[in-house]
PDB file of N, CA and C in Angstrom:
ATOM      1  N   MET A   1     -63.031   2.929 -12.659  1.00  0.00           N
ATOM      2  CA  MET A   1     -62.260   1.923 -13.467  1.00  0.00           C
ATOM      3  C   MET A   1     -63.260   0.532 -13.337  1.00  0.00           C
ATOM      4  N   ALA A   2     -63.501  -0.083 -14.503  1.00  0.00           N
ATOM      5  CA  ALA A   2     -64.193  -1.274 -14.615  1.00  0.00           C
ATOM      6  C   ALA A   2     -63.404  -2.507 -14.055  1.00  0.00           C
ATOM      7  N   HIS A   3     -64.056  -3.527 -13.667  1.00  0.00           N
ATOM      8  CA  HIS A   3     -63.284  -4.718 -13.190  1.00  0.00           C
ATOM      9  C   HIS A   3     -63.780  -5.849 -13.990  1.00  0.00           C
ATOM     10  N   ASP A   4     -62.763  -6.623 -14.553  1.00  0.00           N
ATOM     11  CA  ASP A   4     -63.128  -7.811 -15.309  1.00  0.00           C
ATOM     12  C   ASP A   4     -63.057  -9.061 -14.511  1.00  0.00           C
ATOM     13  N   SER A   5     -62.703  -9.058 -13.309  1.00  0.00           N
ATOM     14  CA  SER A   5     -62.661 -10.092 -12.281  1.00  0.00           C
ATOM     15  C   SER A   5     -62.558  -9.579 -10.946  1.00  0.00           C
ATOM     16  N   LEU A   6     -62.468 -10.471  -9.963  1.00  0.00           N
ATOM     17  CA  LEU A   6     -62.390 -10.055  -8.575  1.00  0.00           C
ATOM     18  C   LEU A   6     -61.391  -8.876  -8.393  1.00  0.00           C
ATOM     19  N   LEU A   7     -60.170  -9.008  -8.723  1.00  0.00           N
ATOM     20  CA  LEU A   7     -59.046  -8.020  -8.355  1.00  0.00           C
ATOM     21  C   LEU A   7     -58.482  -7.462  -9.616  1.00  0.00           C
ATOM     22  N   HIS A   8     -58.848  -7.886 -10.821  1.00  0.00           N
ATOM     23  CA  HIS A   8     -58.209  -7.427 -12.002  1.00  0.00           C
ATOM     24  C   HIS A   8     -59.037  -6.211 -12.604  1.00  0.00           C
ATOM     25  N   GLU A   9     -58.449  -5.259 -13.076  1.00  0.00           N
ATOM     26  CA  GLU A   9     -59.095  -4.078 -13.609  1.00  0.00           C
ATOM     27  C   GLU A   9     -58.919  -4.018 -15.198  1.00  0.00           C
ATOM     28  N   THR A  10     -59.912  -3.611 -15.926  1.00  0.00           N
ATOM     29  CA  THR A  10     -59.681  -3.258 -17.273  1.00  0.00           C
ATOM     30  C   THR A  10     -59.034  -1.910 -17.325  1.00  0.00           C
ATOM     31  N   HIS A  11     -58.226  -1.684 -18.332  1.00  0.00           N
ATOM     32  CA  HIS A  11     -57.497  -0.464 -18.334  1.00  0.00           C
ATOM     33  C   HIS A  11     -57.296  -0.132 -19.860  1.00  0.00           C
ATOM     34  N   PRO A  12     -57.388   1.067 -20.213  1.00  0.00           N
ATOM     35  CA  PRO A  12     -57.317   1.577 -21.630  1.00  0.00           C
ATOM     36  C   PRO A  12     -55.839   1.337 -22.191  1.00  0.00           C
ATOM     37  N   LEU A  13     -54.867   1.248 -21.345  1.00  0.00           N
ATOM     38  CA  LEU A  13     -53.605   1.017 -21.877  1.00  0.00           C
ATOM     39  C   LEU A  13     -53.094  -0.390 -21.820  1.00  0.00           C
ATOM     40  N   LEU A  14     -53.884  -1.339 -21.525  1.00  0.00           N
ATOM     41  CA  LEU A  14     -53.517  -2.786 -21.428  1.00  0.00           C
ATOM     42  C   LEU A  14     -52.927  -3.161 -22.784  1.00  0.00           C
ATOM     43  N   GLY A  15     -51.821  -3.852 -22.694  1.00  0.00           N
ATOM     44  CA  GLY A  15     -51.262  -4.305 -24.059  1.00  0.00           C
ATOM     45  C   GLY A  15     -50.411  -3.299 -24.810  1.00  0.00           C
ATOM     46  N   HIS A  16     -50.384  -2.029 -24.257  1.00  0.00           N
ATOM     47  CA  HIS A  16     -49.664  -0.977 -24.962  1.00  0.00           C
ATOM     48  C   HIS A  16     -48.459  -0.512 -24.270  1.00  0.00           C
ATOM     49  N   ARG A  17     -47.516   0.209 -25.009  1.00  0.00           N
ATOM     50  CA  ARG A  17     -46.309   0.643 -24.203  1.00  0.00           C
ATOM     51  C   ARG A  17     -46.802   1.719 -23.326  1.00  0.00           C
ATOM     52  N   VAL A  18     -46.102   1.668 -22.126  1.00  0.00           N
ATOM     53  CA  VAL A  18     -46.352   2.702 -21.124  1.00  0.00           C
ATOM     54  C   VAL A  18     -45.013   3.141 -20.496  1.00  0.00           C
ATOM     55  N   ARG A  19     -45.054   4.167 -19.691  1.00  0.00           N
ATOM     56  CA  ARG A  19     -43.812   4.608 -19.048  1.00  0.00           C
ATOM     57  C   ARG A  19     -44.222   4.780 -17.567  1.00  0.00           C
ATOM     58  N   ASP A  20     -43.321   4.199 -16.748  1.00  0.00           N
ATOM     59  CA  ASP A  20     -43.461   4.351 -15.219  1.00  0.00           C
ATOM     60  C   ASP A  20     -42.886   5.734 -14.932  1.00  0.00           C
ATOM     61  N   ILE A  21     -43.587   6.760 -14.413  1.00  0.00           N
ATOM     62  CA  ILE A  21     -42.987   7.999 -14.201  1.00  0.00           C
ATOM     63  C   ILE A  21     -42.185   8.050 -12.930  1.00  0.00           C
ATOM     64  N   ALA A  22     -42.346   7.047 -12.057  1.00  0.00           N
ATOM     65  CA  ALA A  22     -41.453   6.910 -10.915  1.00  0.00           C
ATOM     66  C   ALA A  22     -40.084   6.555 -11.198  1.00  0.00           C
ATOM     67  N   SER A  23     -39.980   5.443 -12.132  1.00  0.00           N
ATOM     68  CA  SER A  23     -38.581   4.924 -12.410  1.00  0.00           C
ATOM     69  C   SER A  23     -38.143   5.379 -13.742  1.00  0.00           C
ATOM     70  N   GLY A  24     -38.989   5.826 -14.620  1.00  0.00           N
ATOM     71  CA  GLY A  24     -38.556   6.182 -16.152  1.00  0.00           C
ATOM     72  C   GLY A  24     -38.493   4.964 -16.957  1.00  0.00           C
ATOM     73  N   GLN A  25     -38.895   3.744 -16.425  1.00  0.00           N
ATOM     74  CA  GLN A  25     -38.768   2.513 -17.266  1.00  0.00           C
ATOM     75  C   GLN A  25     -39.987   2.542 -18.262  1.00  0.00           C
ATOM     76  N   THR A  26     -39.761   1.989 -19.479  1.00  0.00           N
ATOM     77  CA  THR A  26     -40.875   1.855 -20.470  1.00  0.00           C
ATOM     78  C   THR A  26     -40.921   0.347 -20.793  1.00  0.00           C
ATOM     79  N   GLY A  27     -42.216  -0.112 -20.926  1.00  0.00           N
ATOM     80  CA  GLY A  27     -42.558  -1.413 -21.283  1.00  0.00           C
ATOM     81  C   GLY A  27     -43.941  -1.483 -21.592  1.00  0.00           C
ATOM     82  N   GLN A  28     -44.484  -2.783 -21.743  1.00  0.00           N
ATOM     83  CA  GLN A  28     -45.857  -3.035 -22.213  1.00  0.00           C
ATOM     84  C   GLN A  28     -46.600  -3.386 -20.776  1.00  0.00           C
ATOM     85  N   LEU A  29     -47.863  -2.629 -20.628  1.00  0.00           N
ATOM     86  CA  LEU A  29     -48.671  -2.855 -19.547  1.00  0.00           C
ATOM     87  C   LEU A  29     -49.383  -4.264 -19.725  1.00  0.00           C
ATOM     88  N   ASN A  30     -49.135  -5.166 -18.840  1.00  0.00           N
ATOM     89  CA  ASN A  30     -49.714  -6.513 -18.762  1.00  0.00           C
ATOM     90  C   ASN A  30     -50.919  -6.652 -17.963  1.00  0.00           C
ATOM     91  N   ASP A  31     -51.006  -5.936 -16.796  1.00  0.00           N
ATOM     92  CA  ASP A  31     -52.090  -6.127 -15.907  1.00  0.00           C
ATOM     93  C   ASP A  31     -52.227  -5.051 -14.904  1.00  0.00           C
ATOM     94  N   VAL A  32     -53.394  -4.787 -14.459  1.00  0.00           N
ATOM     95  CA  VAL A  32     -53.671  -3.858 -13.416  1.00  0.00           C
ATOM     96  C   VAL A  32     -54.579  -4.673 -12.364  1.00  0.00           C
ATOM     97  N   VAL A  33     -54.140  -4.722 -11.205  1.00  0.00           N
ATOM     98  CA  VAL A  33     -54.873  -5.445 -10.043  1.00  0.00           C
ATOM     99  C   VAL A  33     -55.075  -4.512  -8.922  1.00  0.00           C
ATOM    100  N   ARG A  34     -55.974  -4.814  -8.081  1.00  0.00           N
ATOM    101  CA  ARG A  34     -56.312  -4.336  -6.819  1.00  0.00           C
ATOM    102  C   ARG A  34     -55.794  -5.280  -5.675  1.00  0.00           C
ATOM    103  N   GLU A  35     -54.803  -4.792  -5.005  1.00  0.00           N
ATOM    104  CA  GLU A  35     -54.193  -5.719  -3.944  1.00  0.00           C
ATOM    105  C   GLU A  35     -54.676  -5.255  -2.647  1.00  0.00           C
ATOM    106  N   PRO A  36     -55.127  -6.126  -1.758  1.00  0.00           N
ATOM    107  CA  PRO A  36     -55.531  -5.864  -0.476  1.00  0.00           C
ATOM    108  C   PRO A  36     -54.353  -5.410   0.505  1.00  0.00           C
ATOM    109  N   VAL A  37     -54.538  -4.374   1.334  1.00  0.00           N
ATOM    110  CA  VAL A  37     -53.496  -4.004   2.259  1.00  0.00           C
ATOM    111  C   VAL A  37     -54.198  -3.792   3.534  1.00  0.00           C
ATOM    112  N   GLY A  38     -53.568  -4.353   4.594  1.00  0.00           N
ATOM    113  CA  GLY A  38     -54.136  -4.244   5.948  1.00  0.00           C
ATOM    114  C   GLY A  38     -55.238  -5.351   6.179  1.00  0.00           C
ATOM    115  N   ALA A  39     -55.856  -5.202   7.412  1.00  0.00           N
ATOM    116  CA  ALA A  39     -56.957  -6.176   7.750  1.00  0.00           C
ATOM    117  C   ALA A  39     -58.002  -5.580   8.554  1.00  0.00           C
ATOM    118  N   GLY A  40     -59.162  -6.234   8.617  1.00  0.00           N
ATOM    119  CA  GLY A  40     -60.224  -5.653   9.390  1.00  0.00           C
ATOM    120  C   GLY A  40     -60.676  -4.333   8.800  1.00  0.00           C
ATOM    121  N   GLU A  41     -61.099  -3.479   9.739  1.00  0.00           N
ATOM    122  CA  GLU A  41     -61.533  -2.226   9.303  1.00  0.00           C
ATOM    123  C   GLU A  41     -60.579  -1.294   8.648  1.00  0.00           C
ATOM    124  N   SER A  42     -59.360  -1.539   8.795  1.00  0.00           N
ATOM    125  CA  SER A  42     -58.295  -0.759   8.172  1.00  0.00           C
ATOM    126  C   SER A  42     -57.970  -1.223   6.699  1.00  0.00           C
ATOM    127  N   ARG A  43     -58.547  -2.390   6.382  1.00  0.00           N
ATOM    128  CA  ARG A  43     -58.298  -2.889   5.051  1.00  0.00           C
ATOM    129  C   ARG A  43     -58.680  -1.990   3.892  1.00  0.00           C
ATOM    130  N   ARG A  44     -57.758  -1.888   2.938  1.00  0.00           N
ATOM    131  CA  ARG A  44     -57.956  -0.941   1.829  1.00  0.00           C
ATOM    132  C   ARG A  44     -57.359  -1.728   0.544  1.00  0.00           C
ATOM    133  N   TYR A  45     -57.588  -1.171  -0.596  1.00  0.00           N
ATOM    134  CA  TYR A  45     -57.026  -1.763  -1.826  1.00  0.00           C
ATOM    135  C   TYR A  45     -56.119  -0.665  -2.505  1.00  0.00           C
ATOM    136  N   VAL A  46     -55.004  -1.097  -3.006  1.00  0.00           N
ATOM    137  CA  VAL A  46     -54.089  -0.269  -3.736  1.00  0.00           C
ATOM    138  C   VAL A  46     -54.083  -0.837  -5.232  1.00  0.00           C
ATOM    139  N   ARG A  47     -53.985  -0.027  -6.246  1.00  0.00           N
ATOM    140  CA  ARG A  47     -53.897  -0.362  -7.679  1.00  0.00           C
ATOM    141  C   ARG A  47     -52.439  -0.527  -8.122  1.00  0.00           C
ATOM    142  N   VAL A  48     -52.187  -1.653  -8.575  1.00  0.00           N
ATOM    143  CA  VAL A  48     -50.852  -2.057  -9.026  1.00  0.00           C
ATOM    144  C   VAL A  48     -50.870  -2.451 -10.337  1.00  0.00           C
ATOM    145  N   ALA A  49     -49.882  -1.764 -11.170  1.00  0.00           N
ATOM    146  CA  ALA A  49     -49.717  -2.121 -12.587  1.00  0.00           C
ATOM    147  C   ALA A  49     -48.511  -2.978 -12.765  1.00  0.00           C
ATOM    148  N   SER A  50     -48.622  -3.995 -13.658  1.00  0.00           N
ATOM    149  CA  SER A  50     -47.561  -4.915 -14.043  1.00  0.00           C
ATOM    150  C   SER A  50     -47.024  -4.659 -15.431  1.00  0.00           C
ATOM    151  N   ILE A  51     -45.772  -4.218 -15.484  1.00  0.00           N
ATOM    152  CA  ILE A  51     -45.167  -3.832 -16.818  1.00  0.00           C
ATOM    153  C   ILE A  51     -43.991  -4.782 -17.193  1.00  0.00           C
ATOM    154  N   GLN A  52     -43.936  -5.200 -18.426  1.00  0.00           N
ATOM    155  CA  GLN A  52     -42.870  -5.974 -18.866  1.00  0.00           C
ATOM    156  C   GLN A  52     -41.902  -5.190 -19.805  1.00  0.00           C
ATOM    157  N   LEU A  53     -40.668  -5.214 -19.460  1.00  0.00           N
ATOM    158  CA  LEU A  53     -39.683  -4.551 -20.198  1.00  0.00           C
ATOM    159  C   LEU A  53     -39.356  -5.287 -21.549  1.00  0.00           C
ATOM    160  N   ALA A  54     -38.622  -4.708 -22.438  1.00  0.00           N
ATOM    161  CA  ALA A  54     -38.261  -5.426 -23.677  1.00  0.00           C
ATOM    162  C   ALA A  54     -37.405  -6.698 -23.333  1.00  0.00           C
ATOM    163  N   SER A  55     -36.551  -6.546 -22.214  1.00  0.00           N
ATOM    164  CA  SER A  55     -35.723  -7.666 -21.894  1.00  0.00           C
ATOM    165  C   SER A  55     -36.538  -8.866 -21.353  1.00  0.00           C
ATOM    166  N   GLY A  56     -37.917  -8.665 -21.103  1.00  0.00           N
ATOM    167  CA  GLY A  56     -38.680  -9.781 -20.563  1.00  0.00           C
ATOM    168  C   GLY A  56     -38.904  -9.705 -19.167  1.00  0.00           C
ATOM    169  N   ILE A  57     -38.111  -8.837 -18.481  1.00  0.00           N
ATOM    170  CA  ILE A  57     -38.276  -8.721 -16.997  1.00  0.00           C
ATOM    171  C   ILE A  57     -39.549  -7.786 -16.710  1.00  0.00           C
ATOM    172  N   GLU A  58     -40.321  -8.361 -15.785  1.00  0.00           N
ATOM    173  CA  GLU A  58     -41.574  -7.701 -15.399  1.00  0.00           C
ATOM    174  C   GLU A  58     -41.360  -7.006 -14.066  1.00  0.00           C
ATOM    175  N   PHE A  59     -42.066  -5.857 -13.821  1.00  0.00           N
ATOM    176  CA  PHE A  59     -41.968  -5.277 -12.546  1.00  0.00           C
ATOM    177  C   PHE A  59     -43.300  -4.582 -12.307  1.00  0.00           C
ATOM    178  N   SER A  60     -43.492  -4.165 -11.134  1.00  0.00           N
ATOM    179  CA  SER A  60     -44.856  -3.571 -10.700  1.00  0.00           C
ATOM    180  C   SER A  60     -44.630  -2.116 -10.244  1.00  0.00           C
ATOM    181  N   THR A  61     -45.621  -1.358 -10.346  1.00  0.00           N
ATOM    182  CA  THR A  61     -45.575   0.045  -9.912  1.00  0.00           C
ATOM    183  C   THR A  61     -47.052   0.385  -9.531  1.00  0.00           C
ATOM    184  N   ALA A  62     -47.226   1.531  -8.817  1.00  0.00           N
ATOM    185  CA  ALA A  62     -48.555   1.998  -8.530  1.00  0.00           C
ATOM    186  C   ALA A  62     -49.136   2.298  -9.960  1.00  0.00           C
ATOM    187  N   ALA A  63     -50.461   1.985 -10.098  1.00  0.00           N
ATOM    188  CA  ALA A  63     -51.078   2.139 -11.359  1.00  0.00           C
ATOM    189  C   ALA A  63     -51.251   3.692 -11.688  1.00  0.00           C
ATOM    190  N   ASP A  64     -51.279   4.454 -10.726  1.00  0.00           N
ATOM    191  CA  ASP A  64     -51.432   5.820 -10.970  1.00  0.00           C
ATOM    192  C   ASP A  64     -50.102   6.526 -11.520  1.00  0.00           C
ATOM    193  N   ASN A  65     -49.051   5.752 -11.527  1.00  0.00           N
ATOM    194  CA  ASN A  65     -47.690   6.184 -11.958  1.00  0.00           C
ATOM    195  C   ASN A  65     -47.509   5.845 -13.410  1.00  0.00           C
ATOM    196  N   ILE A  66     -48.424   5.276 -14.271  1.00  0.00           N
ATOM    197  CA  ILE A  66     -48.206   5.000 -15.634  1.00  0.00           C
ATOM    198  C   ILE A  66     -48.897   6.066 -16.466  1.00  0.00           C
ATOM    199  N   GLU A  67     -48.195   6.132 -17.659  1.00  0.00           N
ATOM    200  CA  GLU A  67     -48.715   7.013 -18.707  1.00  0.00           C
ATOM    201  C   GLU A  67     -48.371   6.361 -19.992  1.00  0.00           C
ATOM    202  N   ALA A  68     -49.056   6.752 -21.109  1.00  0.00           N
ATOM    203  CA  ALA A  68     -48.646   6.216 -22.425  1.00  0.00           C
ATOM    204  C   ALA A  68     -47.282   6.668 -22.799  1.00  0.00           C
ATOM    205  N   ALA A  69     -46.592   5.773 -23.460  1.00  0.00           N
ATOM    206  CA  ALA A  69     -45.245   6.074 -23.914  1.00  0.00           C
ATOM    207  C   ALA A  69     -45.123   6.385 -25.361  1.00  0.00           C
TER     208      ALA A  69
END
């Protein structure tokens, strides 16, 4: 996955309707970021997707849990 800044990723579904397979919620994919978890040698990054529902509420989920709606 390409990175457009330090922790933000470009994603082919940015700006499109997506479905979170974990919750079944559908909305617009607004962002995918890499969030650091842990510290020192155990530090790693997890990919997190930000999805906005039609109501305007935004939630996050694992980026691997999204698919085109």
